[in-house]
Amino acid sequence: MIRTSGEWKALSTSDREVIEFFQDEIPVKIGELARQLGLIVKVSTLDVGISGLIEPFEGAFKIIVNKHEPSYRRRFTLAHEVAHYLLHRHLIADGISDNILYRSRLSDAVEAEANRLASDILMPPVKVTEWKNQAGDQRMADMVSQLAAYFDVSEEAMRIRLGMKK
């Protein structure tokens, strides 16, 4: 059984309900979820090595995702920045930029929290577990590519979600 993270459990009931509404359909429509949360989302050119950023903007928060990255990467980056908003908006002053290693000026622990919540959002434990149960005797290692495509995430993200890679 895939478990939800402590970050998921720390969210308010209302935030979890909004996310769960969008998790009824896979792949999760992360852009629509972000907009439902009141976030402004832009896809644009960012400096090399910068996947995305979140910053205050006119009384709200704006997320910019690097348009030059693959779609599955843009999706995870957007989910990561949404997670920063949900968990760390009190830390976002001048903005948070994340490079390809999901690093910013924040601590590794804060970045890891955003990654875990992003995984919970894009790869809901209930839905991943359903897939695992349907696989029967098929090895998970043989299904990673298929699962990654279904959830529209990278194979690496799926391996981590399945506990195959730390």
Foldseek 3Di string as FASTA:
>chain_A
DQDADPLLVPFDPVLNVLLVVQVVDAQRPLVVSCVVVVEAEEEDADPAQWQKKWADDPNHIYIYGHNPDDPQSSLLSSQLRVSCCRPPVVVHHGMFTQGPVQDTPDDPVSSVSSNSRSCCRLPPPVNVVVVVVVCPPDDVVVCLVVVCVRSVHDSVSSCVSVVNHD
